[in-house]
Protein backbone atom coordinates (compact mmCIF):
# COMPACT_ATOMS: atom_id res chain seq x y z
CA ASN A 1 30.27 14.55 -94.99
CA LEU A 2 28.54 17.66 -93.82
CA ASN A 3 29.46 21.30 -94.01
CA ASP A 4 27.79 24.05 -92.05
CA LYS A 5 27.58 27.57 -93.28
CA LEU A 6 26.75 30.53 -91.10
CA THR A 7 25.62 33.87 -92.35
CA ARG A 8 23.90 37.00 -91.16
CA SER A 9 20.13 36.71 -91.45
CA PRO A 10 17.80 39.73 -91.69
CA THR A 11 15.49 38.10 -89.13
CA ARG A 12 18.20 37.27 -86.61
CA PRO A 13 20.73 39.15 -84.51
CA ALA A 14 23.89 39.92 -86.47
CA CYS A 15 26.49 37.26 -85.81
CA GLY A 16 28.60 37.41 -88.97
CA ARG A 17 28.64 35.14 -91.98
CA ALA A 18 30.39 31.82 -91.86
CA SER A 19 30.56 28.36 -93.34
CA TRP A 20 31.76 25.16 -91.81
CA SER A 21 32.37 21.54 -92.68
CA GLY A 22 32.12 18.38 -90.61
CA THR A 23 31.58 14.63 -90.73
CA LEU A 24 28.50 12.72 -89.69
CA HIS A 25 30.35 10.92 -86.90
CA THR A 26 31.99 14.07 -85.54
CA LEU A 27 30.24 16.31 -83.01
CA LYS A 28 32.92 18.88 -82.31
CA ALA A 29 32.19 20.99 -85.40
CA PRO A 30 28.38 20.72 -85.12
CA PHE A 31 28.73 22.03 -81.54
CA ALA A 32 30.72 25.03 -82.76
CA GLY A 33 27.97 25.64 -85.31
CA LEU A 34 25.28 25.26 -82.65
CA LEU A 35 26.93 27.90 -80.45
CA LEU A 36 27.00 30.37 -83.32
CA ALA A 37 23.51 29.46 -84.55
CA ASP A 38 21.95 29.89 -81.12
CA TYR A 39 23.24 33.45 -81.07
CA GLY A 40 21.97 34.49 -84.48
CA ALA A 41 24.09 32.93 -87.19
CA SER A 42 22.20 31.27 -90.04
CA VAL A 43 23.70 27.80 -90.35
CA LEU A 44 23.61 25.71 -93.49
CA ARG A 45 24.83 22.16 -93.14
CA ILE A 46 26.08 20.52 -96.32
CA ASP A 47 25.28 16.82 -96.42
CA ARG A 48 26.06 13.95 -98.73
CA PRO A 49 23.30 13.37 -101.28
CA PRO A 50 20.78 10.76 -100.12
CA GLN A 51 21.61 7.28 -101.36
CA SER A 52 18.10 6.22 -102.29
CA THR A 53 16.23 9.46 -102.96
CA THR A 54 16.44 12.48 -105.15
CA ILE A 55 15.61 15.92 -103.80
CA THR A 56 12.75 17.23 -105.91
CA THR A 57 10.68 19.06 -103.31
CA PRO A 58 10.20 22.79 -103.99
CA LEU A 59 11.56 25.41 -101.61
CA SER A 60 10.39 24.61 -98.11
CA SER A 61 11.52 24.95 -94.54
CA LYS A 62 11.37 21.23 -93.90
CA SER A 63 11.14 17.81 -95.54
CA ALA A 64 13.10 18.45 -98.71
CA SER A 65 14.07 14.78 -98.68
CA GLN A 66 12.62 11.57 -97.36
CA ALA A 67 16.09 10.40 -96.36
CA PRO A 68 16.54 9.81 -92.63
CA PRO A 69 18.22 12.70 -90.80
CA PRO A 70 21.95 12.26 -90.19
CA SER A 71 22.99 11.21 -86.70
CA ASP A 72 23.63 14.75 -85.49
CA PRO A 73 21.40 16.01 -82.67
CA LEU A 74 22.99 19.48 -82.63
CA THR A 75 20.86 20.92 -85.41
CA ARG A 76 18.84 23.63 -83.69
CA HIS A 77 18.39 26.71 -85.92
CA LYS A 78 20.22 25.05 -88.83
CA SER A 79 19.33 24.21 -92.43
CA SER A 80 20.76 21.75 -94.95
CA ILE A 81 21.62 21.24 -98.60
CA ALA A 82 23.15 18.21 -100.30
CA LEU A 83 26.36 18.52 -102.29
CA ASN A 84 28.47 15.85 -103.92
CA LEU A 85 31.97 17.15 -103.27
CA LYS A 86 33.32 14.76 -105.92
CA SER A 87 31.24 16.54 -108.54
CA ALA A 88 32.74 19.55 -110.33
CA ALA A 89 29.32 21.19 -110.63
CA SER A 90 28.65 20.84 -106.89
CA LEU A 91 32.12 22.15 -106.06
CA THR A 92 31.49 25.13 -108.33
CA LEU A 93 28.38 25.91 -106.31
CA LEU A 94 30.34 25.62 -103.06
CA HIS A 95 33.14 27.87 -104.34
CA SER A 96 30.53 30.44 -105.31
CA LEU A 97 29.12 30.37 -101.78
CA LEU A 98 32.55 30.67 -100.20
CA ARG A 99 33.14 33.94 -102.03
CA LYS A 100 30.34 35.44 -99.93
CA VAL A 101 30.59 33.83 -96.50
CA ASP A 102 32.56 34.90 -93.46
CA VAL A 103 33.78 31.65 -91.96
CA LEU A 104 34.54 28.13 -93.15
CA ILE A 105 34.89 25.51 -90.42
CA ASP A 106 37.01 22.56 -91.52
CA PRO A 107 37.00 19.56 -89.13
CA TYR A 108 38.80 17.12 -91.42
CA ARG A 109 42.24 15.63 -90.97
CA PRO A 110 45.12 17.64 -92.46
CA GLY A 111 45.10 17.63 -96.24
CA VAL A 112 41.47 16.64 -96.80
CA LEU A 113 40.27 20.16 -97.52
CA GLU A 114 43.07 20.65 -100.04
CA SER A 115 42.17 17.37 -101.75
CA LEU A 116 38.67 18.74 -102.34
CA THR A 117 40.11 21.75 -104.21
CA LEU A 118 39.35 23.88 -101.17
CA ASP A 119 42.87 25.02 -100.41
CA PRO A 120 42.67 27.73 -97.70
CA ALA A 121 45.15 30.06 -99.41
CA LYS A 122 43.16 30.01 -102.63
CA LEU A 123 39.84 30.43 -100.83
CA ILE A 124 41.13 33.49 -98.96
CA ALA A 125 42.59 34.89 -102.18
CA ALA A 126 39.10 34.70 -103.68
CA ASN A 127 37.50 36.13 -100.53
CA PRO A 128 40.00 38.10 -98.44
CA ARG A 129 37.51 38.48 -95.59
CA LEU A 130 37.07 34.72 -95.23
CA ILE A 131 37.97 33.11 -91.90
CA ILE A 132 38.85 29.42 -92.14
CA ALA A 133 38.61 27.60 -88.82
CA ARG A 134 40.45 24.28 -89.06
CA LEU A 135 39.42 21.95 -86.26
CA THR A 136 41.25 18.65 -85.82
CA GLY A 137 41.43 16.08 -83.06
CA PHE A 138 45.19 15.72 -82.78
CA ARG A 139 47.67 18.48 -83.52
CA ARG A 140 48.19 19.14 -87.21
CA GLY A 141 51.83 18.07 -86.85
CA GLY A 142 53.45 15.37 -84.77
CA PRO A 143 53.19 11.59 -84.35
CA TYR A 144 49.37 11.45 -84.25
CA ALA A 145 48.51 13.94 -87.00
CA GLU A 146 47.55 11.36 -89.64
CA ILE A 147 45.77 8.77 -87.50
CA ALA A 148 42.16 8.43 -86.38
CA GLY A 149 41.08 9.25 -82.87
CA HIS A 150 38.18 10.24 -80.65
CA ASP A 151 37.66 12.32 -77.53
CA ILE A 152 39.27 9.77 -75.22
CA ASN A 153 42.41 9.62 -77.40
CA TYR A 154 42.84 13.39 -77.56
CA LEU A 155 42.29 13.64 -73.81
CA ALA A 156 44.83 10.88 -73.27
CA VAL A 157 47.73 12.48 -75.15
CA SER A 158 46.95 15.93 -73.68
CA GLY A 159 47.92 14.67 -70.21
CA VAL A 160 44.53 15.54 -68.73
CA LEU A 161 43.16 11.99 -68.72
CA SER A 162 46.03 10.84 -66.49
CA GLN A 163 44.70 13.09 -63.72
CA LEU A 164 41.09 11.89 -63.86
CA GLY A 165 39.83 8.87 -61.96
CA ARG A 166 39.77 7.14 -58.60
CA ALA A 167 42.86 6.20 -56.63
CA GLY A 168 44.17 2.78 -57.51
CA GLN A 169 41.99 2.54 -60.60
CA ARG A 170 42.59 3.24 -64.27
CA PRO A 171 42.08 6.80 -65.57
CA TYR A 172 38.45 7.59 -66.26
CA ALA A 173 37.22 9.66 -69.21
CA PRO A 174 34.12 11.77 -68.41
CA ALA A 175 32.15 10.79 -71.54
CA ASN A 176 33.15 13.04 -74.47
CA ILE A 177 32.52 16.41 -72.85
CA LEU A 178 36.08 17.64 -72.38
CA ALA A 179 37.81 17.09 -75.73
CA ASP A 180 34.94 17.00 -78.23
CA PHE A 181 32.85 19.81 -76.85
CA ALA A 182 34.89 22.00 -74.48
CA GLY A 183 38.36 21.52 -75.97
CA GLY A 184 37.09 21.22 -79.55
CA GLY A 185 33.81 22.87 -80.48
CA LEU A 186 33.87 25.58 -77.84
CA MET A 187 37.50 26.49 -78.49
CA CYS A 188 36.84 26.58 -82.22
CA ALA A 189 33.90 28.95 -81.77
CA PHE A 190 36.08 31.09 -79.50
CA GLY A 191 38.77 31.25 -82.17
CA ILE A 192 36.20 32.25 -84.78
CA LEU A 193 34.99 35.12 -82.60
CA LEU A 194 38.57 36.30 -82.05
CA ALA A 195 39.17 36.26 -85.80
CA LEU A 196 35.95 38.20 -86.43
CA ILE A 197 37.07 40.84 -83.93
CA SER A 198 40.45 41.05 -85.65
CA ARG A 199 38.75 41.40 -89.02
CA GLN A 200 36.79 44.40 -87.77
CA ARG A 201 40.16 46.13 -87.29
CA THR A 202 42.09 44.83 -90.31
CA GLY A 203 39.35 44.02 -92.80
CA LYS A 204 41.09 40.69 -93.44
CA GLY A 205 40.20 37.10 -92.69
CA GLN A 206 42.68 34.47 -91.56
CA VAL A 207 43.16 30.79 -90.83
CA VAL A 208 42.22 29.72 -87.29
CA GLU A 209 43.79 26.43 -86.18
CA ALA A 210 42.24 24.55 -83.26
CA ASN A 211 42.69 21.00 -82.08
CA MET A 212 41.23 19.02 -79.22
CA VAL A 213 44.57 18.06 -77.71
CA ASP A 214 45.64 21.66 -77.15
CA GLY A 215 42.09 22.65 -76.24
CA SER A 216 41.89 19.95 -73.57
CA ALA A 217 45.37 20.77 -72.27
CA TYR A 218 44.40 24.42 -71.95
CA LEU A 219 41.28 23.46 -69.99
CA GLY A 220 43.58 21.47 -67.71
CA THR A 221 45.91 24.41 -67.02
CA PHE A 222 44.90 24.67 -63.36
CA MET A 223 45.24 20.94 -62.78
CA ARG A 224 48.63 20.84 -64.46
CA LEU A 225 50.06 23.78 -62.52
CA ALA A 226 48.54 22.60 -59.24
CA ARG A 227 50.60 19.38 -59.45
CA LYS A 228 53.49 21.35 -57.94
CA THR A 229 51.45 22.60 -55.00
CA PRO A 230 49.89 20.81 -51.99
CA LEU A 231 46.54 21.13 -53.73
CA TRP A 232 47.30 18.42 -56.31
CA ASN A 233 50.70 16.90 -55.58
CA GLN A 234 49.39 13.45 -54.70
CA PRO A 235 48.73 10.52 -57.06
CA ARG A 236 45.49 10.44 -59.05
CA GLY A 237 42.39 10.23 -56.86
CA LYS A 238 44.13 11.31 -53.64
CA ASN A 239 43.91 15.08 -53.97
CA LEU A 240 41.48 17.68 -52.73
CA LEU A 241 39.41 18.02 -55.93
CA ASP A 242 39.76 14.64 -57.66
CA GLY A 243 37.80 12.40 -55.29
CA GLY A 244 40.50 11.98 -52.69
CA CYS A 245 38.95 14.35 -50.17
CA PRO A 246 35.84 13.07 -48.32
CA TRP A 247 34.14 16.46 -48.25
CA TYR A 248 34.46 16.88 -52.01
CA ASP A 249 32.76 13.79 -53.37
CA VAL A 250 29.46 12.09 -54.19
CA TYR A 251 27.57 9.87 -51.73
CA GLU A 252 24.85 7.29 -52.19
CA CYS A 253 21.61 7.69 -50.29
CA LYS A 254 19.19 5.10 -48.90
CA ASP A 255 17.14 5.07 -52.12
CA GLY A 256 20.13 4.59 -54.40
CA LYS A 257 20.22 8.23 -55.46
CA TYR A 258 23.11 10.58 -54.73
CA MET A 259 24.16 13.78 -53.01
CA ALA A 260 27.15 15.88 -54.07
CA VAL A 261 29.35 17.42 -51.40
CA GLY A 262 31.76 20.31 -51.99
CA ALA A 263 32.25 21.78 -48.51
CA LEU A 264 35.79 23.04 -49.02
CA GLU A 265 35.81 26.08 -46.73
CA PRO A 266 35.66 25.56 -42.94
CA LYS A 267 32.36 27.42 -42.51
CA PHE A 268 30.70 25.24 -45.14
CA PHE A 269 32.22 22.07 -43.69
CA GLU A 270 30.90 23.05 -40.26
CA GLU A 271 27.39 23.33 -41.69
CA LEU A 272 27.86 19.97 -43.41
CA ILE A 273 28.87 18.00 -40.33
CA ARG A 274 26.07 19.66 -38.39
CA GLY A 275 23.54 18.45 -40.94
CA LEU A 276 25.07 14.98 -40.88
CA SER A 277 25.09 14.94 -37.05
CA LEU A 278 28.82 14.31 -36.95
CA GLY A 279 30.96 15.49 -34.05
CA SER A 280 32.45 18.99 -34.05
CA GLU A 281 35.87 17.44 -33.47
CA TRP A 282 36.03 16.87 -37.22
CA MET A 283 36.64 20.58 -37.68
CA GLU A 284 40.20 19.94 -36.50
CA LYS A 285 40.63 16.30 -37.47
CA ARG A 286 39.80 16.95 -41.14
CA SER A 287 43.16 18.67 -41.67
CA SER A 288 44.96 15.35 -41.12
CA ARG A 289 44.99 13.31 -44.33
CA HIS A 290 45.36 10.05 -42.40
CA MET A 291 41.90 10.73 -40.94
CA TRP A 292 40.24 11.04 -44.33
CA PRO A 293 39.40 7.33 -44.74
CA GLU A 294 37.63 7.28 -41.38
CA LEU A 295 35.66 10.42 -42.17
CA ARG A 296 34.69 9.08 -45.59
CA LYS A 297 33.37 5.90 -44.03
CA LEU A 298 31.30 7.88 -41.52
CA MET A 299 29.87 10.06 -44.27
CA GLU A 300 29.02 7.05 -46.41
CA LEU A 301 27.11 5.46 -43.52
CA LYS A 302 25.33 8.70 -42.67
CA PHE A 303 24.12 9.39 -46.20
CA ARG A 304 22.73 5.85 -46.47
CA GLU A 305 20.47 6.51 -43.47
CA LYS A 306 18.11 8.76 -45.45
CA GLU A 307 16.67 9.04 -48.94
CA ARG A 308 17.91 11.79 -51.20
CA LYS A 309 14.72 13.80 -50.75
CA GLU A 310 15.21 13.76 -46.99
CA TRP A 311 18.77 15.02 -47.35
CA GLU A 312 17.57 17.75 -49.65
CA GLU A 313 15.28 18.88 -46.85
CA VAL A 314 18.07 18.71 -44.27
CA PHE A 315 20.36 20.93 -46.33
CA ALA A 316 17.72 23.22 -47.84
CA ASN A 317 18.82 26.86 -47.52
CA LYS A 318 21.98 25.77 -45.70
CA ASP A 319 25.47 26.85 -46.80
CA ALA A 320 26.80 23.31 -46.61
CA CYS A 321 27.61 22.95 -50.33
CA CYS A 322 25.54 19.76 -50.36
CA THR A 323 23.18 19.32 -53.29
CA PRO A 324 21.24 16.50 -54.96
CA VAL A 325 22.59 14.81 -58.07
CA LEU A 326 19.60 15.45 -60.30
CA GLU A 327 19.00 13.13 -63.22
CA GLN A 328 18.20 14.39 -66.70
CA ALA A 329 14.90 12.50 -66.83
CA GLU A 330 13.62 14.00 -63.59
CA LEU A 331 14.67 17.49 -64.68
CA GLU A 332 12.75 17.03 -67.91
CA ASP A 333 9.71 15.58 -66.14
CA THR A 334 9.57 18.47 -63.68
CA GLY A 335 9.79 21.11 -66.39
CA TYR A 336 13.31 22.35 -65.70
CA GLU A 337 14.08 25.25 -68.05
CA GLN A 338 17.17 24.79 -70.22
CA ARG A 339 18.76 28.08 -71.22
CA LEU A 340 21.49 29.38 -73.51
CA PRO A 341 24.87 29.50 -71.74
CA VAL A 342 25.25 33.29 -71.80
CA GLY A 343 22.59 35.95 -71.47
CA LEU A 344 23.18 39.07 -73.56
CA ILE A 345 20.94 41.95 -72.54
CA GLY A 346 21.50 44.07 -75.64
CA SER A 347 21.72 41.31 -78.26
CA PRO A 348 20.14 38.15 -76.87
CA GLY A 349 20.39 34.78 -78.52
CA LEU A 350 17.53 33.09 -80.32
CA ASP A 351 14.62 31.59 -78.46
CA MET A 352 15.05 27.96 -77.48
CA SER A 353 11.84 26.05 -76.95
CA GLN A 354 11.88 23.52 -74.15
CA LYS A 355 10.77 20.85 -76.58
CA GLU A 356 13.90 21.27 -78.68
CA ALA A 357 16.02 21.68 -75.54
CA TRP A 358 15.13 18.16 -74.42
CA SER A 359 14.73 16.29 -77.71
CA HIS A 360 15.45 16.71 -81.40
CA GLU A 361 13.68 15.68 -84.56
CA GLY A 362 16.88 15.84 -86.54
CA LEU A 363 17.67 17.85 -89.62
CA GLY A 364 16.80 16.05 -92.82
CA VAL A 365 19.00 16.35 -95.90
CA GLY A 366 17.87 19.48 -97.71
CA ASP A 367 15.66 20.85 -94.95
CA GLY A 368 15.30 24.61 -95.50
CA GLY A 369 18.52 24.88 -97.46
CA GLU A 370 17.17 26.28 -100.69
CA LEU A 371 15.44 29.06 -98.80
CA ILE A 372 18.80 29.94 -97.30
CA LEU A 373 20.41 30.03 -100.75
CA GLN A 374 17.68 32.33 -101.95
CA GLY A 375 18.14 34.61 -98.95
CA TRP A 376 21.95 34.66 -99.03
CA MET A 377 22.66 34.66 -102.74
CA GLY A 378 19.38 35.51 -104.46
CA TRP A 379 19.56 32.17 -106.25
CA LYS A 380 16.61 30.32 -107.70
CA ARG A 381 16.36 26.72 -108.77
CA GLU A 382 16.56 26.06 -112.53
CA ARG A 383 18.02 29.52 -113.03
CA ASP A 384 21.12 29.51 -110.83
CA TYR A 385 21.30 25.88 -109.77
CA ASP A 386 19.55 22.56 -110.21
CA VAL A 387 19.39 19.09 -108.70
CA GLU A 388 21.30 16.13 -110.08
CA LYS A 389 21.11 12.74 -108.38
CA GLY A 390 20.03 14.37 -105.14
CA SER A 391 22.85 16.92 -105.17
CA LEU A 392 22.66 20.63 -105.91
CA ILE A 393 24.78 21.74 -108.86
CA LYS A 394 25.65 25.18 -110.25
CA LEU A 395 24.30 25.98 -113.68
CA GLU A 396 26.93 27.27 -116.08
CA THR A 397 24.83 30.21 -117.25
CA ALA A 398 23.97 31.26 -113.70
CA ARG A 399 25.41 34.42 -112.23
CA LEU A 400 27.96 33.94 -109.46
């Protein structure tokens, strides 16, 4: 199990203090932590103690343990400590931290946090400014609340998955982007920010409840409402924006690479058919749905006549809404600059090196965590806490 804890750092933009928990196989909470960390929050992930090693390394920014890093690539700007949440001494240390932090992110199933003696009501009683963000996959109540699931399951019961996919084929889940990251981690981070804004006015924390079913359903608001309009009132894969329309789709080129077409408006479609050397009669014929299969076939044949690079040249600087489908490897090889999602002029996020934007070394158990404890709490090893079987524990004589 891993917990992340976010706090204001004197060397970073102010982003509020927080703490969050997650599991090694769950990426929704680490993504919420990454969003906050990239914009200045100091993030401390709490890991299980290593199975075969004991953390004995003095304070350092890296390599506190020889244990392999957990399988979480979303560790940029984060640190780690190891706690055994079945140990009273480790739990005492965690409770001490939670009296000082701003936000606890809980990604466990309902009841798990309470079973760890981390009942939200009691935590907020001890720290009235604490915000507890509880992030689950399914809703906290209902027929799925107690069962396991992953992105595809949450997307399925939200109704969104039923609208994704080709006509005549089974629904298709777009990897785990929608539920895990957009409907889960992003929505959780959004809820945390709303609660922080509220706390500025009231001085009080609160419980924030997010789940990936509701998050995904909210992302699908437009699709759901459009079902009762001509825009999306056809079966899956036969609508304007879901692959049914020939001028809003992806086409294979001569070299096996692809071009993406999104020429919805007439002026863009006109530029498209000009670049493809198709007849101008398609300006009128495109409005007839029964002509779509013929047009699609023509466009498929046309795109296979040239390599993707040639089509890029044809449509360069043209308002045809026709662009190459660039692959991650070629973007990396050509030095494409990855950036943070939002640019803030007055309070920018932290620098992101292109090396860490394209690959990750992982965050080892204990990496940099004791430095964070010293900075946040003023704690020192052997005075305030110690290490027992690879796990940090609170010393009884230490000040809280």
